[in-house]
PDB file of N, CA and C in Angstrom:
ATOM      1  N   GLY A   1       2.449  -3.672 -11.516  1.00  0.00           N
ATOM      2  CA  GLY A   1       0.819  -3.812 -11.552  1.00  0.00           C
ATOM      3  C   GLY A   1       0.237  -3.238 -10.483  1.00  0.00           C
ATOM      4  N   ILE A   2       0.741  -2.676  -9.438  1.00  0.00           N
ATOM      5  CA  ILE A   2      -0.088  -2.205  -8.289  1.00  0.00           C
ATOM      6  C   ILE A   2       0.357  -0.813  -8.180  1.00  0.00           C
ATOM      7  N   GLY A   3      -0.447  -0.102  -7.353  1.00  0.00           N
ATOM      8  CA  GLY A   3      -0.405   1.262  -7.114  1.00  0.00           C
ATOM      9  C   GLY A   3      -1.007   2.163  -8.060  1.00  0.00           C
ATOM     10  N   ARG A   4      -1.239   3.360  -7.668  1.00  0.00           N
ATOM     11  CA  ARG A   4      -2.055   4.157  -8.432  1.00  0.00           C
ATOM     12  C   ARG A   4      -1.006   5.622  -8.874  1.00  0.00           C
ATOM     13  N   PRO A   5      -0.833   5.626 -10.285  1.00  0.00           N
ATOM     14  CA  PRO A   5      -0.009   6.692 -10.751  1.00  0.00           C
ATOM     15  C   PRO A   5      -0.066   7.991  -9.722  1.00  0.00           C
ATOM     16  N   SER A   6      -1.409   8.501  -9.570  1.00  0.00           N
ATOM     17  CA  SER A   6      -1.752   9.787  -9.016  1.00  0.00           C
ATOM     18  C   SER A   6      -1.290   9.916  -7.529  1.00  0.00           C
ATOM     19  N   THR A   7      -1.100   8.811  -6.978  1.00  0.00           N
ATOM     20  CA  THR A   7      -0.595   8.702  -5.617  1.00  0.00           C
ATOM     21  C   THR A   7       0.848   8.678  -5.478  1.00  0.00           C
ATOM     22  N   PHE A   8       1.726   8.476  -6.535  1.00  0.00           N
ATOM     23  CA  PHE A   8       3.075   8.284  -6.315  1.00  0.00           C
ATOM     24  C   PHE A   8       3.720   9.232  -5.744  1.00  0.00           C
ATOM     25  N   ALA A   9       3.696  10.563  -6.431  1.00  0.00           N
ATOM     26  CA  ALA A   9       4.361  11.732  -5.752  1.00  0.00           C
ATOM     27  C   ALA A   9       4.050  11.949  -4.182  1.00  0.00           C
ATOM     28  N   THR A  10       2.707  11.867  -3.823  1.00  0.00           N
ATOM     29  CA  THR A  10       2.425  11.943  -2.379  1.00  0.00           C
ATOM     30  C   THR A  10       2.923  11.102  -1.565  1.00  0.00           C
ATOM     31  N   ILE A  11       3.183   9.757  -1.905  1.00  0.00           N
ATOM     32  CA  ILE A  11       3.709   8.936  -1.291  1.00  0.00           C
ATOM     33  C   ILE A  11       5.137   9.075  -0.995  1.00  0.00           C
ATOM     34  N   VAL A  12       5.799   9.179  -2.188  1.00  0.00           N
ATOM     35  CA  VAL A  12       7.442   9.517  -2.174  1.00  0.00           C
ATOM     36  C   VAL A  12       7.640  10.788  -1.301  1.00  0.00           C
ATOM     37  N   GLU A  13       6.714  11.706  -1.386  1.00  0.00           N
ATOM     38  CA  GLU A  13       6.981  13.079  -0.413  1.00  0.00           C
ATOM     39  C   GLU A  13       6.826  12.557   1.093  1.00  0.00           C
ATOM     40  N   THR A  14       5.792  11.581   1.355  1.00  0.00           N
ATOM     41  CA  THR A  14       5.551  11.346   2.677  1.00  0.00           C
ATOM     42  C   THR A  14       6.813  10.536   3.236  1.00  0.00           C
ATOM     43  N   ILE A  15       7.147   9.408   2.602  1.00  0.00           N
ATOM     44  CA  ILE A  15       8.092   8.600   2.940  1.00  0.00           C
ATOM     45  C   ILE A  15       9.536   9.427   3.266  1.00  0.00           C
ATOM     46  N   ILE A  16       9.653  10.337   2.454  1.00  0.00           N
ATOM     47  CA  ILE A  16      11.019  11.204   2.541  1.00  0.00           C
ATOM     48  C   ILE A  16      10.765  12.107   3.902  1.00  0.00           C
ATOM     49  N   LYS A  17       9.697  12.529   4.137  1.00  0.00           N
ATOM     50  CA  LYS A  17       9.251  13.432   5.189  1.00  0.00           C
ATOM     51  C   LYS A  17       9.432  12.652   6.521  1.00  0.00           C
ATOM     52  N   ARG A  18       9.008  11.360   6.455  1.00  0.00           N
ATOM     53  CA  ARG A  18       8.894  10.564   7.722  1.00  0.00           C
ATOM     54  C   ARG A  18      10.347   9.896   7.877  1.00  0.00           C
ATOM     55  N   GLY A  19      11.152  10.127   7.053  1.00  0.00           N
ATOM     56  CA  GLY A  19      12.641   9.550   7.348  1.00  0.00           C
ATOM     57  C   GLY A  19      12.610   7.968   6.934  1.00  0.00           C
ATOM     58  N   TYR A  20      11.822   7.648   6.187  1.00  0.00           N
ATOM     59  CA  TYR A  20      11.992   6.160   5.641  1.00  0.00           C
ATOM     60  C   TYR A  20      12.775   6.034   4.568  1.00  0.00           C
ATOM     61  N   VAL A  21      13.081   7.090   3.674  1.00  0.00           N
ATOM     62  CA  VAL A  21      13.979   6.856   2.678  1.00  0.00           C
ATOM     63  C   VAL A  21      14.799   8.481   2.501  1.00  0.00           C
ATOM     64  N   VAL A  22      15.891   8.201   1.967  1.00  0.00           N
ATOM     65  CA  VAL A  22      16.688   9.405   1.816  1.00  0.00           C
ATOM     66  C   VAL A  22      16.962   9.509   0.097  1.00  0.00           C
ATOM     67  N   GLN A  23      16.894  10.760  -0.394  1.00  0.00           N
ATOM     68  CA  GLN A  23      17.214  10.696  -1.915  1.00  0.00           C
ATOM     69  C   GLN A  23      18.584  11.027  -2.175  1.00  0.00           C
ATOM     70  N   ARG A  24      19.213  10.239  -2.994  1.00  0.00           N
ATOM     71  CA  ARG A  24      20.500  10.278  -3.378  1.00  0.00           C
ATOM     72  C   ARG A  24      20.550  10.566  -5.079  1.00  0.00           C
ATOM     73  N   GLU A  25      20.813  11.534  -5.568  1.00  0.00           N
ATOM     74  CA  GLU A  25      20.515  11.734  -6.950  1.00  0.00           C
ATOM     75  C   GLU A  25      19.243  11.328  -7.224  1.00  0.00           C
ATOM     76  N   LYS A  26      18.906  10.382  -8.163  1.00  0.00           N
ATOM     77  CA  LYS A  26      17.740  10.160  -8.560  1.00  0.00           C
ATOM     78  C   LYS A  26      17.326   8.712  -8.140  1.00  0.00           C
ATOM     79  N   SER A  27      17.876   8.260  -7.050  1.00  0.00           N
ATOM     80  CA  SER A  27      17.524   7.086  -6.107  1.00  0.00           C
ATOM     81  C   SER A  27      16.743   7.394  -4.828  1.00  0.00           C
ATOM     82  N   LEU A  28      15.995   6.705  -4.350  1.00  0.00           N
ATOM     83  CA  LEU A  28      15.656   6.684  -3.034  1.00  0.00           C
ATOM     84  C   LEU A  28      16.073   5.449  -2.309  1.00  0.00           C
ATOM     85  N   LEU A  29      16.791   5.697  -1.139  1.00  0.00           N
ATOM     86  CA  LEU A  29      17.436   4.530  -0.502  1.00  0.00           C
ATOM     87  C   LEU A  29      16.929   4.510   1.049  1.00  0.00           C
ATOM     88  N   PRO A  30      16.496   3.139   1.211  1.00  0.00           N
ATOM     89  CA  PRO A  30      15.806   3.078   2.531  1.00  0.00           C
ATOM     90  C   PRO A  30      16.689   3.454   3.691  1.00  0.00           C
ATOM     91  N   THR A  31      16.109   3.841   4.867  1.00  0.00           N
ATOM     92  CA  THR A  31      16.730   4.156   6.269  1.00  0.00           C
ATOM     93  C   THR A  31      16.812   3.041   7.069  1.00  0.00           C
ATOM     94  N   ASP A  32      17.336   3.002   8.261  1.00  0.00           N
ATOM     95  CA  ASP A  32      17.018   2.049   9.296  1.00  0.00           C
ATOM     96  C   ASP A  32      15.881   1.912   9.816  1.00  0.00           C
ATOM     97  N   GLU A  33      15.056   3.157   9.768  1.00  0.00           N
ATOM     98  CA  GLU A  33      13.735   3.410  10.104  1.00  0.00           C
ATOM     99  C   GLU A  33      12.722   2.498   9.256  1.00  0.00           C
ATOM    100  N   ALA A  34      12.954   2.425   7.897  1.00  0.00           N
ATOM    101  CA  ALA A  34      12.316   1.884   6.883  1.00  0.00           C
ATOM    102  C   ALA A  34      12.490   0.330   7.277  1.00  0.00           C
ATOM    103  N   PHE A  35      13.528  -0.338   7.415  1.00  0.00           N
ATOM    104  CA  PHE A  35      13.573  -1.600   7.862  1.00  0.00           C
ATOM    105  C   PHE A  35      13.078  -2.098   9.169  1.00  0.00           C
ATOM    106  N   LYS A  36      13.061  -1.247  10.106  1.00  0.00           N
ATOM    107  CA  LYS A  36      12.458  -1.383  11.364  1.00  0.00           C
ATOM    108  C   LYS A  36      10.815  -1.507  11.124  1.00  0.00           C
ATOM    109  N   LEU A  37      10.283  -0.587  10.299  1.00  0.00           N
ATOM    110  CA  LEU A  37       8.858  -0.463   9.870  1.00  0.00           C
ATOM    111  C   LEU A  37       8.602  -1.812   9.095  1.00  0.00           C
ATOM    112  N   ILE A  38       9.157  -2.182   8.159  1.00  0.00           N
ATOM    113  CA  ILE A  38       8.933  -3.497   7.589  1.00  0.00           C
ATOM    114  C   ILE A  38       8.976  -4.792   8.512  1.00  0.00           C
ATOM    115  N   ASP A  39       9.895  -4.862   9.372  1.00  0.00           N
ATOM    116  CA  ASP A  39      10.029  -5.834  10.344  1.00  0.00           C
ATOM    117  C   ASP A  39       8.579  -5.831  11.071  1.00  0.00           C
ATOM    118  N   PHE A  40       8.241  -4.629  11.775  1.00  0.00           N
ATOM    119  CA  PHE A  40       7.098  -4.612  12.370  1.00  0.00           C
ATOM    120  C   PHE A  40       5.899  -4.921  11.743  1.00  0.00           C
ATOM    121  N   LEU A  41       5.676  -4.508  10.630  1.00  0.00           N
ATOM    122  CA  LEU A  41       4.658  -4.858   9.763  1.00  0.00           C
ATOM    123  C   LEU A  41       4.505  -6.440   9.446  1.00  0.00           C
ATOM    124  N   SER A  42       5.569  -6.901   9.351  1.00  0.00           N
ATOM    125  CA  SER A  42       5.756  -8.426   8.726  1.00  0.00           C
ATOM    126  C   SER A  42       5.459  -9.134   9.926  1.00  0.00           C
ATOM    127  N   GLU A  43       5.781  -8.780  11.225  1.00  0.00           N
ATOM    128  CA  GLU A  43       5.286  -9.424  12.302  1.00  0.00           C
ATOM    129  C   GLU A  43       3.899  -9.323  12.778  1.00  0.00           C
ATOM    130  N   ASN A  44       3.438  -8.129  12.539  1.00  0.00           N
ATOM    131  CA  ASN A  44       2.093  -7.595  13.085  1.00  0.00           C
ATOM    132  C   ASN A  44       0.806  -7.620  12.011  1.00  0.00           C
ATOM    133  N   TYR A  45       1.267  -7.058  10.781  1.00  0.00           N
ATOM    134  CA  TYR A  45       0.121  -6.635  10.021  1.00  0.00           C
ATOM    135  C   TYR A  45       0.722  -7.380   8.592  1.00  0.00           C
ATOM    136  N   GLU A  46       0.946  -8.559   8.495  1.00  0.00           N
ATOM    137  CA  GLU A  46       1.418  -9.079   7.188  1.00  0.00           C
ATOM    138  C   GLU A  46       0.632  -8.792   5.884  1.00  0.00           C
ATOM    139  N   TRP A  47      -0.805  -8.520   6.188  1.00  0.00           N
ATOM    140  CA  TRP A  47      -1.451  -8.205   4.894  1.00  0.00           C
ATOM    141  C   TRP A  47      -1.036  -6.829   4.222  1.00  0.00           C
ATOM    142  N   VAL A  48      -0.545  -6.063   5.091  1.00  0.00           N
ATOM    143  CA  VAL A  48      -0.171  -4.672   4.557  1.00  0.00           C
ATOM    144  C   VAL A  48       0.721  -4.768   3.377  1.00  0.00           C
ATOM    145  N   ILE A  49       1.634  -5.601   3.686  1.00  0.00           N
ATOM    146  CA  ILE A  49       3.034  -5.639   2.649  1.00  0.00           C
ATOM    147  C   ILE A  49       2.757  -6.882   1.832  1.00  0.00           C
ATOM    148  N   ASP A  50       1.540  -7.461   1.711  1.00  0.00           N
ATOM    149  CA  ASP A  50       1.344  -8.578   0.923  1.00  0.00           C
ATOM    150  C   ASP A  50       1.009  -7.929  -0.628  1.00  0.00           C
ATOM    151  N   PHE A  51       1.847  -8.219  -1.598  1.00  0.00           N
ATOM    152  CA  PHE A  51       1.497  -7.608  -2.899  1.00  0.00           C
ATOM    153  C   PHE A  51       0.568  -8.326  -3.713  1.00  0.00           C
ATOM    154  N   GLU A  52       0.120  -9.503  -3.455  1.00  0.00           N
ATOM    155  CA  GLU A  52      -0.989 -10.265  -3.945  1.00  0.00           C
ATOM    156  C   GLU A  52      -2.234  -9.589  -3.418  1.00  0.00           C
ATOM    157  N   TYR A  53      -2.274  -9.514  -2.062  1.00  0.00           N
ATOM    158  CA  TYR A  53      -3.400  -8.767  -1.490  1.00  0.00           C
ATOM    159  C   TYR A  53      -3.676  -7.157  -2.098  1.00  0.00           C
ATOM    160  N   THR A  54      -2.540  -6.524  -2.045  1.00  0.00           N
ATOM    161  CA  THR A  54      -2.748  -5.124  -2.844  1.00  0.00           C
ATOM    162  C   THR A  54      -3.258  -5.338  -4.218  1.00  0.00           C
ATOM    163  N   LYS A  55      -2.795  -6.388  -5.000  1.00  0.00           N
ATOM    164  CA  LYS A  55      -3.153  -6.430  -6.224  1.00  0.00           C
ATOM    165  C   LYS A  55      -4.476  -6.711  -6.489  1.00  0.00           C
ATOM    166  N   ARG A  56      -5.058  -7.542  -5.614  1.00  0.00           N
ATOM    167  CA  ARG A  56      -6.530  -7.901  -5.642  1.00  0.00           C
ATOM    168  C   ARG A  56      -7.200  -6.601  -5.255  1.00  0.00           C
ATOM    169  N   MET A  57      -6.803  -6.026  -4.218  1.00  0.00           N
ATOM    170  CA  MET A  57      -7.540  -4.874  -3.893  1.00  0.00           C
ATOM    171  C   MET A  57      -7.698  -3.716  -5.010  1.00  0.00           C
ATOM    172  N   GLU A  58      -6.601  -3.583  -5.552  1.00  0.00           N
ATOM    173  CA  GLU A  58      -6.691  -2.788  -6.861  1.00  0.00           C
ATOM    174  C   GLU A  58      -7.537  -3.151  -7.822  1.00  0.00           C
ATOM    175  N   GLU A  59      -7.492  -4.380  -7.907  1.00  0.00           N
ATOM    176  CA  GLU A  59      -8.306  -4.911  -9.173  1.00  0.00           C
ATOM    177  C   GLU A  59      -9.845  -4.524  -8.744  1.00  0.00           C
ATOM    178  N   LEU A  60     -10.110  -4.885  -7.484  1.00  0.00           N
ATOM    179  CA  LEU A  60     -11.455  -4.635  -6.886  1.00  0.00           C
ATOM    180  C   LEU A  60     -11.896  -3.344  -7.045  1.00  0.00           C
ATOM    181  N   LEU A  61     -10.956  -2.485  -6.612  1.00  0.00           N
ATOM    182  CA  LEU A  61     -11.409  -0.850  -6.783  1.00  0.00           C
ATOM    183  C   LEU A  61     -11.507  -0.443  -8.182  1.00  0.00           C
ATOM    184  N   ASP A  62     -10.853  -0.918  -9.085  1.00  0.00           N
ATOM    185  CA  ASP A  62     -10.944  -0.672 -10.526  1.00  0.00           C
ATOM    186  C   ASP A  62     -12.350  -1.203 -10.885  1.00  0.00           C
ATOM    187  N   LYS A  63     -12.668  -2.261 -10.396  1.00  0.00           N
ATOM    188  CA  LYS A  63     -14.142  -2.593 -10.862  1.00  0.00           C
ATOM    189  C   LYS A  63     -15.311  -1.824 -10.179  1.00  0.00           C
ATOM    190  N   VAL A  64     -14.966  -1.273  -8.865  1.00  0.00           N
ATOM    191  CA  VAL A  64     -16.054  -0.380  -8.287  1.00  0.00           C
ATOM    192  C   VAL A  64     -15.857   0.994  -9.351  1.00  0.00           C
ATOM    193  N   GLU A  65     -14.712   1.385  -9.669  1.00  0.00           N
ATOM    194  CA  GLU A  65     -14.737   2.695 -10.367  1.00  0.00           C
ATOM    195  C   GLU A  65     -15.556   2.416 -11.702  1.00  0.00           C
ATOM    196  N   ARG A  66     -15.661   1.273 -12.365  1.00  0.00           N
ATOM    197  CA  ARG A  66     -16.269   1.010 -13.508  1.00  0.00           C
ATOM    198  C   ARG A  66     -17.691   0.676 -13.463  1.00  0.00           C
ATOM    199  N   GLY A  67     -18.188   0.563 -12.190  1.00  0.00           N
ATOM    200  CA  GLY A  67     -19.479   0.304 -11.892  1.00  0.00           C
ATOM    201  C   GLY A  67     -19.902  -0.977 -11.743  1.00  0.00           C
ATOM    202  N   GLU A  68     -18.659  -1.827 -11.840  1.00  0.00           N
ATOM    203  CA  GLU A  68     -19.119  -3.404 -11.925  1.00  0.00           C
ATOM    204  C   GLU A  68     -19.422  -3.821 -10.546  1.00  0.00           C
ATOM    205  N   LEU A  69     -18.893  -3.422  -9.519  1.00  0.00           N
ATOM    206  CA  LEU A  69     -19.063  -3.863  -8.046  1.00  0.00           C
ATOM    207  C   LEU A  69     -19.599  -2.605  -7.245  1.00  0.00           C
ATOM    208  N   ASN A  70     -20.215  -3.090  -6.249  1.00  0.00           N
ATOM    209  CA  ASN A  70     -20.859  -2.082  -5.172  1.00  0.00           C
ATOM    210  C   ASN A  70     -19.624  -1.798  -4.207  1.00  0.00           C
ATOM    211  N   TRP A  71     -19.239  -0.539  -3.919  1.00  0.00           N
ATOM    212  CA  TRP A  71     -18.288  -0.215  -3.061  1.00  0.00           C
ATOM    213  C   TRP A  71     -18.567  -0.742  -1.690  1.00  0.00           C
ATOM    214  N   LYS A  72     -19.546  -0.635  -1.168  1.00  0.00           N
ATOM    215  CA  LYS A  72     -19.985  -1.269   0.245  1.00  0.00           C
ATOM    216  C   LYS A  72     -19.539  -2.589   0.347  1.00  0.00           C
ATOM    217  N   GLU A  73     -20.076  -3.390  -0.710  1.00  0.00           N
ATOM    218  CA  GLU A  73     -19.393  -4.901  -0.813  1.00  0.00           C
ATOM    219  C   GLU A  73     -17.954  -5.003  -0.927  1.00  0.00           C
ATOM    220  N   VAL A  74     -17.399  -4.091  -1.540  1.00  0.00           N
ATOM    221  CA  VAL A  74     -16.021  -4.437  -1.603  1.00  0.00           C
ATOM    222  C   VAL A  74     -15.312  -4.165  -0.283  1.00  0.00           C
ATOM    223  N   VAL A  75     -15.825  -3.018   0.294  1.00  0.00           N
ATOM    224  CA  VAL A  75     -15.166  -2.700   1.586  1.00  0.00           C
ATOM    225  C   VAL A  75     -15.510  -3.820   2.665  1.00  0.00           C
ATOM    226  N   ARG A  76     -16.686  -4.150   2.649  1.00  0.00           N
ATOM    227  CA  ARG A  76     -17.143  -5.316   3.579  1.00  0.00           C
ATOM    228  C   ARG A  76     -16.131  -6.558   3.371  1.00  0.00           C
ATOM    229  N   GLU A  77     -15.869  -7.087   2.123  1.00  0.00           N
ATOM    230  CA  GLU A  77     -15.045  -7.835   1.765  1.00  0.00           C
ATOM    231  C   GLU A  77     -13.486  -7.784   2.231  1.00  0.00           C
ATOM    232  N   LEU A  78     -13.078  -6.578   2.082  1.00  0.00           N
ATOM    233  CA  LEU A  78     -11.489  -6.203   2.443  1.00  0.00           C
ATOM    234  C   LEU A  78     -11.365  -6.092   3.960  1.00  0.00           C
ATOM    235  N   LEU A  79     -12.475  -5.619   4.592  1.00  0.00           N
ATOM    236  CA  LEU A  79     -12.474  -5.533   5.835  1.00  0.00           C
ATOM    237  C   LEU A  79     -12.535  -7.123   6.781  1.00  0.00           C
ATOM    238  N   GLN A  80     -13.157  -7.852   6.087  1.00  0.00           N
ATOM    239  CA  GLN A  80     -13.311  -9.135   6.607  1.00  0.00           C
ATOM    240  C   GLN A  80     -11.619  -9.870   6.301  1.00  0.00           C
ATOM    241  N   ASP A  81     -11.274  -9.710   5.136  1.00  0.00           N
ATOM    242  CA  ASP A  81      -9.853 -10.218   4.931  1.00  0.00           C
ATOM    243  C   ASP A  81      -8.946  -9.576   6.127  1.00  0.00           C
ATOM    244  N   ILE A  82      -8.972  -8.607   6.548  1.00  0.00           N
ATOM    245  CA  ILE A  82      -8.036  -7.837   7.499  1.00  0.00           C
ATOM    246  C   ILE A  82      -8.362  -8.260   8.921  1.00  0.00           C
ATOM    247  N   ILE A  83      -9.548  -8.520   9.292  1.00  0.00           N
ATOM    248  CA  ILE A  83      -9.775  -9.072  10.694  1.00  0.00           C
ATOM    249  C   ILE A  83      -9.968 -10.371  10.964  1.00  0.00           C
ATOM    250  N   SER A  84      -9.733 -11.141   9.760  1.00  0.00           N
ATOM    251  CA  SER A  84      -9.869 -12.623   9.917  1.00  0.00           C
ATOM    252  C   SER A  84      -8.188 -13.276  10.050  1.00  0.00           C
TER     253      SER A  84
END
């Protein structure tokens, strides 16, 4: 339930180009660089890899898209989450 289908191709292209995964047949396999990155993010920016945070952010963005929430308020709230 997280992620935007329109961004998947770009994301996959980027992580391959940056060396975080290699493609084997129809699968993507993480490299040592990917594990190093996850360790770094876990230690320093845990919110970046928090699925619940991402899910909540996606729900808020969907509400902005539907006109149910003001985008400035959503950005302000997300920023507060990040810096607190």
